[in-house]
Amino acid sequence: IKYTLNQEEIYTIFSIIDNLTFSKETCDGIPTYFIKYNSKEKEGFLTYGIEKFENEYHITSDEKGEAILSSEQTEKLNEIIKKLNN
């Protein structure tokens, strides 16, 4: 399934990602979703993975490692993910 985010959803996701603390230690989960976008700074596509682990989300990045979302961030992300399944 491919889903194109609208402006508000893009803003929400990137405000979440910008406020995360990434750690090089990762759990060995497999991302359920991927966020792929074209980055002018990196000259090409960047990809973040979204893993669901128990009742929380982890955001993964090849460069930065992994970050765990707070419950507030999880709620915001859930609202967007619900639209994928409709």
Protein backbone atom coordinates (compact mmCIF):
# COMPACT_ATOMS: atom_id res chain seq x y z
CA ILE A 1 0.00 0.00 0.00
CA LYS A 2 1.31 3.40 -0.94
CA TYR A 3 -0.08 6.49 0.74
CA THR A 4 0.80 10.07 -0.06
CA LEU A 5 0.78 12.28 3.02
CA ASN A 6 -0.97 15.62 2.86
CA GLN A 7 0.74 18.83 4.03
CA GLU A 8 -0.61 18.59 7.59
CA GLU A 9 0.41 14.93 7.94
CA ILE A 10 3.91 15.66 6.65
CA TYR A 11 4.24 18.48 9.17
CA THR A 12 3.01 16.21 12.00
CA ILE A 13 5.39 13.37 11.15
CA PHE A 14 8.40 15.60 10.76
CA SER A 15 7.68 17.51 13.95
CA ILE A 16 7.66 14.10 15.68
CA ILE A 17 10.90 12.97 14.00
CA ASP A 18 12.66 16.29 14.70
CA ASN A 19 11.96 15.92 18.42
CA LEU A 20 13.13 12.32 18.80
CA THR A 21 16.32 11.18 20.45
CA PHE A 22 17.84 8.47 18.31
CA SER A 23 20.02 5.76 19.80
CA LYS A 24 22.38 3.44 17.95
CA GLU A 25 20.99 0.54 20.00
CA THR A 26 18.06 -0.97 18.20
CA CYS A 27 15.62 -3.77 18.82
CA ASP A 28 15.51 -6.23 15.97
CA GLY A 29 12.01 -5.38 14.86
CA ILE A 30 10.92 -5.26 11.26
CA PRO A 31 9.38 -1.96 10.14
CA THR A 32 5.68 -2.18 9.30
CA TYR A 33 5.71 1.12 7.42
CA PHE A 34 8.30 3.25 5.68
CA ILE A 35 8.34 7.01 5.25
CA LYS A 36 10.28 7.87 2.13
CA TYR A 37 10.96 11.42 1.06
CA ASN A 38 13.21 13.37 -1.22
CA SER A 39 15.85 15.30 0.70
CA LYS A 40 17.57 18.24 -0.92
CA GLU A 41 20.36 18.25 1.69
CA LYS A 42 21.14 14.57 1.24
CA GLU A 43 20.65 14.65 -2.54
CA GLY A 44 18.22 11.80 -2.86
CA PHE A 45 15.68 9.80 -0.97
CA LEU A 46 15.78 9.29 2.78
CA THR A 47 13.79 6.56 4.45
CA TYR A 48 12.54 6.19 8.00
CA GLY A 49 10.99 2.94 9.18
CA ILE A 50 8.09 2.70 11.61
CA GLU A 51 8.09 -0.41 13.80
CA LYS A 52 5.21 -1.31 16.06
CA PHE A 53 6.46 -3.02 19.19
CA GLU A 54 3.88 -4.04 21.78
CA ASN A 55 1.88 -0.80 22.08
CA GLU A 56 4.54 1.67 21.08
CA TYR A 57 6.12 2.86 17.88
CA HIS A 58 9.81 2.95 17.12
CA ILE A 59 11.14 5.12 14.32
CA THR A 60 14.24 3.71 12.65
CA SER A 61 16.83 5.35 10.47
CA ASP A 62 19.88 3.73 8.86
CA GLU A 63 21.93 6.81 9.73
CA LYS A 64 20.66 7.65 13.20
CA GLY A 65 19.53 4.36 14.72
CA GLU A 66 16.22 4.04 16.51
CA ALA A 67 13.94 6.20 18.65
CA ILE A 68 10.91 5.33 20.76
CA LEU A 69 7.86 7.58 20.51
CA SER A 70 6.17 9.06 23.56
CA SER A 71 2.50 8.23 24.09
CA GLU A 72 1.53 11.66 22.73
CA GLN A 73 3.63 11.14 19.60
CA THR A 74 2.21 7.63 19.21
CA GLU A 75 -1.33 9.06 19.29
CA LYS A 76 -0.52 11.58 16.57
CA LEU A 77 1.08 8.90 14.40
CA ASN A 78 -1.85 6.54 14.99
CA GLU A 79 -4.26 9.12 13.59
CA ILE A 80 -2.31 9.16 10.33
CA ILE A 81 -1.84 5.38 10.19
CA LYS A 82 -5.58 4.82 10.69
CA LYS A 83 -6.17 6.60 7.37
CA LEU A 84 -3.96 4.03 5.62
CA ASN A 85 -6.28 1.24 6.67
CA ASN A 86 -9.45 2.94 5.42
